[in-house]
C-alpha atoms as a PDB file:
ATOM      1  CA  MET A   1     105.638  98.374 106.959  1.00  0.00           C
ATOM      2  CA  ALA A   2     107.943  99.620 109.745  1.00  0.00           C
ATOM      3  CA  TRP A   3     111.069  99.219 107.617  1.00  0.00           C
ATOM      4  CA  VAL A   4     109.506 101.202 104.793  1.00  0.00           C
ATOM      5  CA  PHE A   5     108.495 104.018 107.161  1.00  0.00           C
ATOM      6  CA  LEU A   6     112.074 104.260 108.427  1.00  0.00           C
ATOM      7  CA  ARG A   7     113.282 104.930 104.868  1.00  0.00           C
ATOM      8  CA  SER A   8     111.864 108.469 105.171  1.00  0.00           C
ATOM      9  CA  ASP A   9     113.546 111.496 106.745  1.00  0.00           C
ATOM     10  CA  PRO A  10     113.256 112.213 110.484  1.00  0.00           C
ATOM     11  CA  ILE A  11     111.982 115.622 111.586  1.00  0.00           C
ATOM     12  CA  ASP A  12     114.060 117.570 114.101  1.00  0.00           C
ATOM     13  CA  GLY A  13     112.317 117.883 117.453  1.00  0.00           C
ATOM     14  CA  LEU A  14     109.741 115.134 116.813  1.00  0.00           C
ATOM     15  CA  ASP A  15     109.796 111.430 117.695  1.00  0.00           C
ATOM     16  CA  PRO A  16     111.418 109.753 114.653  1.00  0.00           C
ATOM     17  CA  ASN A  17     109.543 106.533 115.391  1.00  0.00           C
ATOM     18  CA  GLU A  18     106.235 108.335 114.785  1.00  0.00           C
ATOM     19  CA  TRP A  19     106.890 111.414 112.604  1.00  0.00           C
ATOM     20  CA  ARG A  20     108.859 111.673 109.350  1.00  0.00           C
ATOM     21  CA  ARG A  21     108.895 113.452 105.982  1.00  0.00           C
ATOM     22  CA  ASP A  22     108.414 111.805 102.610  1.00  0.00           C
ATOM     23  CA  LEU A  23     110.467 112.706  99.508  1.00  0.00           C
ATOM     24  CA  CYS A  24     108.197 115.684  98.846  1.00  0.00           C
ATOM     25  CA  GLY A  25     108.687 117.019 102.355  1.00  0.00           C
ATOM     26  CA  ALA A  26     105.162 116.101 103.455  1.00  0.00           C
ATOM     27  CA  THR A  27     104.811 115.132 107.111  1.00  0.00           C
ATOM     28  CA  ILE A  28     103.734 111.523 107.622  1.00  0.00           C
ATOM     29  CA  ARG A  29     102.794 109.766 110.845  1.00  0.00           C
ATOM     30  CA  ARG A  30     103.602 106.094 111.341  1.00  0.00           C
ATOM     31  CA  SER A  31     100.263 105.326 113.013  1.00  0.00           C
ATOM     32  CA  GLU A  32      98.398 106.893 110.051  1.00  0.00           C
ATOM     33  CA  HIS A  33      99.509 104.263 107.499  1.00  0.00           C
ATOM     34  CA  GLY A  34      96.683 103.748 105.003  1.00  0.00           C
ATOM     35  CA  ASN A  35      94.537 106.565 106.431  1.00  0.00           C
ATOM     36  CA  THR A  36      93.355 108.702 103.515  1.00  0.00           C
ATOM     37  CA  GLU A  37      91.242 110.793 105.898  1.00  0.00           C
ATOM     38  CA  SER A  38      94.383 112.248 107.496  1.00  0.00           C
ATOM     39  CA  LYS A  39      96.768 114.821 106.046  1.00  0.00           C
ATOM     40  CA  HIS A  40      99.522 112.755 107.710  1.00  0.00           C
ATOM     41  CA  GLY A  41      98.343 109.470 106.189  1.00  0.00           C
ATOM     42  CA  TRP A  42     100.771 107.584 103.971  1.00  0.00           C
ATOM     43  CA  GLU A  43     101.054 104.609 101.662  1.00  0.00           C
ATOM     44  CA  ILE A  44     103.830 102.327 100.510  1.00  0.00           C
ATOM     45  CA  ASP A  45     104.963 103.264  97.010  1.00  0.00           C
ATOM     46  CA  HIS A  46     106.986 101.260  94.513  1.00  0.00           C
ATOM     47  CA  VAL A  47     109.854 103.466  93.285  1.00  0.00           C
ATOM     48  CA  GLN A  48     109.828 101.490  90.037  1.00  0.00           C
ATOM     49  CA  PRO A  49     106.171 100.542  89.557  1.00  0.00           C
ATOM     50  CA  VAL A  50     105.284  96.850  89.423  1.00  0.00           C
ATOM     51  CA  ALA A  51     103.678  97.560  86.029  1.00  0.00           C
ATOM     52  CA  PHE A  52     107.155  98.425  84.747  1.00  0.00           C
ATOM     53  CA  GLY A  53     109.039  95.509  86.281  1.00  0.00           C
ATOM     54  CA  GLY A  54     109.542  96.780  89.828  1.00  0.00           C
ATOM     55  CA  GLY A  55     109.454  94.299  92.679  1.00  0.00           C
ATOM     56  CA  ASP A  56     108.532  94.254  96.348  1.00  0.00           C
ATOM     57  CA  GLU A  57     112.081  94.322  97.716  1.00  0.00           C
ATOM     58  CA  LEU A  58     112.721  96.971 100.376  1.00  0.00           C
ATOM     59  CA  GLU A  59     115.059  98.910  98.084  1.00  0.00           C
ATOM     60  CA  ASN A  60     112.129  99.496  95.700  1.00  0.00           C
ATOM     61  CA  LEU A  61     109.689 100.649  98.392  1.00  0.00           C
ATOM     62  CA  GLN A  62     109.258 104.103  99.888  1.00  0.00           C
ATOM     63  CA  PRO A  63     106.708 105.826 102.111  1.00  0.00           C
ATOM     64  CA  LEU A  64     104.729 108.625 100.469  1.00  0.00           C
ATOM     65  CA  GLN A  65     102.001 110.829 101.888  1.00  0.00           C
ATOM     66  CA  TRP A  66      98.876 109.294 100.361  1.00  0.00           C
ATOM     67  CA  GLU A  67      98.061 112.231  98.066  1.00  0.00           C
ATOM     68  CA  ASN A  68     101.622 112.244  96.746  1.00  0.00           C
ATOM     69  CA  ASN A  69     101.380 108.510  96.091  1.00  0.00           C
ATOM     70  CA  ARG A  70      98.103 108.946  94.202  1.00  0.00           C
ATOM     71  CA  ALA A  71      99.584 111.827  92.173  1.00  0.00           C
ATOM     72  CA  LYS A  72     102.544 109.620  91.227  1.00  0.00           C
ATOM     73  CA  GLY A  73     100.466 106.652  90.114  1.00  0.00           C
ATOM     74  CA  ASN A  74     102.648 104.570  87.757  1.00  0.00           C
ATOM     75  CA  GLY A  75     104.620 107.615  86.630  1.00  0.00           C
ATOM     76  CA  LEU A  76     107.161 110.026  87.979  1.00  0.00           C
ATOM     77  CA  LEU A  77     106.898 111.516  91.450  1.00  0.00           C
ATOM     78  CA  ARG A  78     104.665 114.590  91.531  1.00  0.00           C
ATOM     79  CA  CYS A  79     104.398 116.401  94.827  1.00  0.00           C
ATOM     80  CA  ALA A  80     100.752 117.199  95.500  1.00  0.00           C
ATOM     81  CA  VAL A  81     101.438 117.899  99.195  1.00  0.00           C
ATOM     82  CA  ARG A  82     104.427 119.450 100.934  1.00  0.00           C
ATOM     83  CA  SER A  83     104.626 120.414 104.587  1.00  0.00           C
END
């Protein structure tokens, strides 16, 4: 999980070990992994979905704010949340 989190962008002025931005620009917090009650919660997404032949290698994984991950589903990235 930690390696996936570090694949996101650091935010100037905030601790990069705890706060980052996903591809949509949504703020995610490392300690909020899996928390769908938090606006900073995030999930691990498969860039190429498993349903379409994607695997679990690090290169195919990315952190997404949970609402962005749900909006993507097995399709293309749709940004439901931006910060």
